[in-house]
Amino acid sequence: MGDIFKKILIATDGSENARNAVFYGLELAKMAGAEVYTLYVISDEHASTARKVMGWTESIEKYLADRGEIATASVEKIGKEAGVKVESVFSKGNPAEEILDYAGKNGIDLVVMGTQGLTGIKKFLIGSVAENVLRHSNIPVMVVR
């Protein structure tokens, strides 16, 4: 397994569902001796919706960025406890596109993510972000329920 997965990307949004994926991704990384990156995407869609529906302004960007810091710090902490070093990465945009873009540009061998995060949307059995990543990825994707 060590030859197959050298770089694992764990996509997180800080939700409980994403947390389940974190444990699987870190365990797999430990067995494979892989490098781990955790990616949090500040979703343009969430920011836009919050501005329109709730009347939030720039504070939504800060809220989402703070949430990202907490989410990735949590993955780093769980990784440290498991003996796996984790590097946090942040980006802004469409979550599925950002996950795929990061994986493609950084030689990621496996993407690990939860089925459904903050969107609360159930499309078939998995969330829309996971579905889009699965549909368009050129590398293996592990989706954890």
C-alpha atoms as a PDB file:
ATOM      1  CA  MET A   1       0.000   0.000   0.000  1.00  0.00           C
ATOM      2  CA  GLY A   2       2.939   2.327   0.635  1.00  0.00           C
ATOM      3  CA  ASP A   3       3.636   2.589  -3.091  1.00  0.00           C
ATOM      4  CA  ILE A   4       0.049   3.376  -4.026  1.00  0.00           C
ATOM      5  CA  PHE A   5      -0.740   6.314  -1.745  1.00  0.00           C
ATOM      6  CA  LYS A   6       2.128   8.719  -1.143  1.00  0.00           C
ATOM      7  CA  LYS A   7       0.046  11.893  -0.818  1.00  0.00           C
ATOM      8  CA  ILE A   8      -3.450  11.903   0.663  1.00  0.00           C
ATOM      9  CA  LEU A   9      -5.760  14.902   0.623  1.00  0.00           C
ATOM     10  CA  ILE A  10      -8.437  15.034   3.312  1.00  0.00           C
ATOM     11  CA  ALA A  11     -11.087  17.589   2.393  1.00  0.00           C
ATOM     12  CA  THR A  12     -12.875  19.013   5.423  1.00  0.00           C
ATOM     13  CA  ASP A  13     -15.522  21.595   6.171  1.00  0.00           C
ATOM     14  CA  GLY A  14     -15.504  21.080   9.919  1.00  0.00           C
ATOM     15  CA  SER A  15     -18.776  19.148   9.965  1.00  0.00           C
ATOM     16  CA  GLU A  16     -19.299  15.958  11.941  1.00  0.00           C
ATOM     17  CA  ASN A  17     -19.602  14.069   8.687  1.00  0.00           C
ATOM     18  CA  ALA A  18     -16.221  15.321   7.507  1.00  0.00           C
ATOM     19  CA  ARG A  19     -14.746  14.280  10.847  1.00  0.00           C
ATOM     20  CA  ASN A  20     -15.586  10.638  10.093  1.00  0.00           C
ATOM     21  CA  ALA A  21     -13.597  10.916   6.862  1.00  0.00           C
ATOM     22  CA  VAL A  22     -10.648  12.389   8.784  1.00  0.00           C
ATOM     23  CA  PHE A  23     -10.249   9.232  10.879  1.00  0.00           C
ATOM     24  CA  TYR A  24     -10.333   6.977   7.806  1.00  0.00           C
ATOM     25  CA  GLY A  25      -7.916   9.184   5.885  1.00  0.00           C
ATOM     26  CA  LEU A  26      -5.424   9.383   8.731  1.00  0.00           C
ATOM     27  CA  GLU A  27      -5.543   5.647   9.410  1.00  0.00           C
ATOM     28  CA  LEU A  28      -4.928   4.941   5.739  1.00  0.00           C
ATOM     29  CA  ALA A  29      -2.061   7.457   5.700  1.00  0.00           C
ATOM     30  CA  LYS A  30      -0.518   5.821   8.743  1.00  0.00           C
ATOM     31  CA  MET A  31      -0.619   2.374   7.109  1.00  0.00           C
ATOM     32  CA  ALA A  32       0.729   3.712   3.799  1.00  0.00           C
ATOM     33  CA  GLY A  33       3.295   6.073   5.296  1.00  0.00           C
ATOM     34  CA  ALA A  34       1.710   8.831   3.211  1.00  0.00           C
ATOM     35  CA  GLU A  35       1.976  12.603   3.460  1.00  0.00           C
ATOM     36  CA  VAL A  36      -1.352  14.171   4.463  1.00  0.00           C
ATOM     37  CA  TYR A  37      -2.814  17.502   3.448  1.00  0.00           C
ATOM     38  CA  THR A  38      -6.116  18.788   4.767  1.00  0.00           C
ATOM     39  CA  LEU A  39      -7.974  21.259   2.591  1.00  0.00           C
ATOM     40  CA  TYR A  40     -10.676  23.672   3.675  1.00  0.00           C
ATOM     41  CA  VAL A  41     -12.424  25.649   0.955  1.00  0.00           C
ATOM     42  CA  ILE A  42     -14.119  28.939   1.758  1.00  0.00           C
ATOM     43  CA  SER A  43     -17.198  28.456  -0.376  1.00  0.00           C
ATOM     44  CA  ASP A  44     -18.193  31.419  -2.529  1.00  0.00           C
ATOM     45  CA  GLU A  45     -21.692  29.954  -2.634  1.00  0.00           C
ATOM     46  CA  HIS A  46     -22.056  29.876   1.167  1.00  0.00           C
ATOM     47  CA  ALA A  47     -20.746  33.436   1.447  1.00  0.00           C
ATOM     48  CA  SER A  48     -23.080  34.670  -1.283  1.00  0.00           C
ATOM     49  CA  THR A  49     -26.130  32.921   0.202  1.00  0.00           C
ATOM     50  CA  ALA A  50     -25.393  34.274   3.685  1.00  0.00           C
ATOM     51  CA  ARG A  51     -25.114  37.812   2.288  1.00  0.00           C
ATOM     52  CA  LYS A  52     -28.438  37.560   0.449  1.00  0.00           C
ATOM     53  CA  VAL A  53     -30.483  35.588   2.958  1.00  0.00           C
ATOM     54  CA  MET A  54     -29.070  36.812   6.254  1.00  0.00           C
ATOM     55  CA  GLY A  55     -27.806  40.224   5.209  1.00  0.00           C
ATOM     56  CA  TRP A  56     -24.269  39.418   6.346  1.00  0.00           C
ATOM     57  CA  THR A  57     -21.428  41.434   4.891  1.00  0.00           C
ATOM     58  CA  GLU A  58     -17.662  40.882   5.115  1.00  0.00           C
ATOM     59  CA  SER A  59     -18.096  39.163   8.480  1.00  0.00           C
ATOM     60  CA  ILE A  60     -19.236  36.001   6.664  1.00  0.00           C
ATOM     61  CA  GLU A  61     -15.800  35.724   5.027  1.00  0.00           C
ATOM     62  CA  LYS A  62     -14.138  36.003   8.437  1.00  0.00           C
ATOM     63  CA  TYR A  63     -16.582  33.501   9.942  1.00  0.00           C
ATOM     64  CA  LEU A  64     -15.865  30.970   7.184  1.00  0.00           C
ATOM     65  CA  ALA A  65     -12.106  31.563   7.420  1.00  0.00           C
ATOM     66  CA  ASP A  66     -12.216  31.099  11.213  1.00  0.00           C
ATOM     67  CA  ARG A  67     -14.249  27.925  10.751  1.00  0.00           C
ATOM     68  CA  GLY A  68     -11.582  26.699   8.333  1.00  0.00           C
ATOM     69  CA  GLU A  69      -8.811  27.373  10.851  1.00  0.00           C
ATOM     70  CA  ILE A  70     -10.708  25.385  13.485  1.00  0.00           C
ATOM     71  CA  ALA A  71     -11.492  22.527  11.067  1.00  0.00           C
ATOM     72  CA  THR A  72      -7.927  22.100   9.828  1.00  0.00           C
ATOM     73  CA  ALA A  73      -6.404  22.541  13.299  1.00  0.00           C
ATOM     74  CA  SER A  74      -8.652  19.694  14.435  1.00  0.00           C
ATOM     75  CA  VAL A  75      -7.358  17.448  11.629  1.00  0.00           C
ATOM     76  CA  GLU A  76      -3.761  18.380  12.529  1.00  0.00           C
ATOM     77  CA  LYS A  77      -4.424  17.528  16.195  1.00  0.00           C
ATOM     78  CA  ILE A  78      -6.030  14.167  15.396  1.00  0.00           C
ATOM     79  CA  GLY A  79      -3.150  13.451  13.021  1.00  0.00           C
ATOM     80  CA  LYS A  80      -0.566  14.286  15.680  1.00  0.00           C
ATOM     81  CA  GLU A  81      -2.282  11.903  18.110  1.00  0.00           C
ATOM     82  CA  ALA A  82      -2.150   9.204  15.406  1.00  0.00           C
ATOM     83  CA  GLY A  83       1.495   9.936  14.621  1.00  0.00           C
ATOM     84  CA  VAL A  84       0.735  11.426  11.204  1.00  0.00           C
ATOM     85  CA  LYS A  85       1.962  14.886  10.199  1.00  0.00           C
ATOM     86  CA  VAL A  86      -0.735  16.960   8.519  1.00  0.00           C
ATOM     87  CA  GLU A  87      -0.277  20.125   6.472  1.00  0.00           C
ATOM     88  CA  SER A  88      -3.243  22.526   6.322  1.00  0.00           C
ATOM     89  CA  VAL A  89      -4.229  24.192   3.065  1.00  0.00           C
ATOM     90  CA  PHE A  90      -6.894  26.828   2.418  1.00  0.00           C
ATOM     91  CA  SER A  91      -8.537  28.024  -0.755  1.00  0.00           C
ATOM     92  CA  LYS A  92     -11.590  29.985  -1.819  1.00  0.00           C
ATOM     93  CA  GLY A  93     -14.140  29.205  -4.505  1.00  0.00           C
ATOM     94  CA  ASN A  94     -16.281  26.261  -5.535  1.00  0.00           C
ATOM     95  CA  PRO A  95     -15.385  23.425  -3.120  1.00  0.00           C
ATOM     96  CA  ALA A  96     -15.453  20.572  -5.667  1.00  0.00           C
ATOM     97  CA  GLU A  97     -13.409  22.544  -8.204  1.00  0.00           C
ATOM     98  CA  GLU A  98     -10.887  23.633  -5.576  1.00  0.00           C
ATOM     99  CA  ILE A  99     -10.461  20.070  -4.269  1.00  0.00           C
ATOM    100  CA  LEU A 100      -9.884  18.728  -7.787  1.00  0.00           C
ATOM    101  CA  ASP A 101      -7.575  21.614  -8.684  1.00  0.00           C
ATOM    102  CA  TYR A 102      -5.425  21.167  -5.586  1.00  0.00           C
ATOM    103  CA  ALA A 103      -5.235  17.394  -6.064  1.00  0.00           C
ATOM    104  CA  GLY A 104      -4.211  17.775  -9.708  1.00  0.00           C
ATOM    105  CA  LYS A 105      -1.562  20.429  -9.118  1.00  0.00           C
ATOM    106  CA  ASN A 106       0.023  18.743  -6.096  1.00  0.00           C
ATOM    107  CA  GLY A 107       0.362  15.107  -7.106  1.00  0.00           C
ATOM    108  CA  ILE A 108      -2.286  13.839  -4.708  1.00  0.00           C
ATOM    109  CA  ASP A 109      -2.837  10.056  -4.966  1.00  0.00           C
ATOM    110  CA  LEU A 110      -6.103   9.837  -2.993  1.00  0.00           C
ATOM    111  CA  VAL A 111      -8.834  12.268  -1.952  1.00  0.00           C
ATOM    112  CA  VAL A 112     -10.728  11.400   1.236  1.00  0.00           C
ATOM    113  CA  MET A 113     -13.949  13.235   2.086  1.00  0.00           C
ATOM    114  CA  GLY A 114     -17.305  12.874   3.787  1.00  0.00           C
ATOM    115  CA  THR A 115     -20.550  12.279   1.961  1.00  0.00           C
ATOM    116  CA  GLN A 116     -22.262  15.430   3.067  1.00  0.00           C
ATOM    117  CA  GLY A 117     -21.100  18.573   4.753  1.00  0.00           C
ATOM    118  CA  LEU A 118     -22.461  21.997   5.492  1.00  0.00           C
ATOM    119  CA  THR A 119     -24.735  22.208   2.470  1.00  0.00           C
ATOM    120  CA  GLY A 120     -27.243  19.846   4.050  1.00  0.00           C
ATOM    121  CA  ILE A 121     -28.251  18.764   0.576  1.00  0.00           C
ATOM    122  CA  LYS A 122     -28.744  15.058  -0.020  1.00  0.00           C
ATOM    123  CA  LYS A 123     -28.473  14.242  -3.658  1.00  0.00           C
ATOM    124  CA  PHE A 124     -29.010  10.536  -4.035  1.00  0.00           C
ATOM    125  CA  LEU A 125     -26.862   9.087  -1.245  1.00  0.00           C
ATOM    126  CA  ILE A 126     -24.036  11.600  -1.184  1.00  0.00           C
ATOM    127  CA  GLY A 127     -23.695  15.368  -1.050  1.00  0.00           C
ATOM    128  CA  SER A 128     -23.269  17.511  -4.121  1.00  0.00           C
ATOM    129  CA  VAL A 129     -19.598  18.354  -3.452  1.00  0.00           C
ATOM    130  CA  ALA A 130     -18.624  14.704  -3.007  1.00  0.00           C
ATOM    131  CA  GLU A 131     -20.638  13.760  -6.071  1.00  0.00           C
ATOM    132  CA  ASN A 132     -18.904  16.382  -8.214  1.00  0.00           C
ATOM    133  CA  VAL A 133     -15.460  15.356  -6.987  1.00  0.00           C
ATOM    134  CA  LEU A 134     -16.235  11.700  -7.694  1.00  0.00           C
ATOM    135  CA  ARG A 135     -17.600  12.456 -11.136  1.00  0.00           C
ATOM    136  CA  HIS A 136     -14.686  14.592 -12.307  1.00  0.00           C
ATOM    137  CA  SER A 137     -11.655  13.152 -10.486  1.00  0.00           C
ATOM    138  CA  ASN A 138      -8.850  11.411 -12.353  1.00  0.00           C
ATOM    139  CA  ILE A 139      -7.522   9.896  -9.134  1.00  0.00           C
ATOM    140  CA  PRO A 140      -9.128   7.610  -6.519  1.00  0.00           C
ATOM    141  CA  VAL A 141     -11.646   9.218  -4.170  1.00  0.00           C
ATOM    142  CA  MET A 142     -12.712   7.650  -0.883  1.00  0.00           C
ATOM    143  CA  VAL A 143     -16.102   8.895   0.251  1.00  0.00           C
ATOM    144  CA  VAL A 144     -16.853   8.107   3.895  1.00  0.00           C
ATOM    145  CA  ARG A 145     -20.444   7.936   5.072  1.00  0.00           C
END
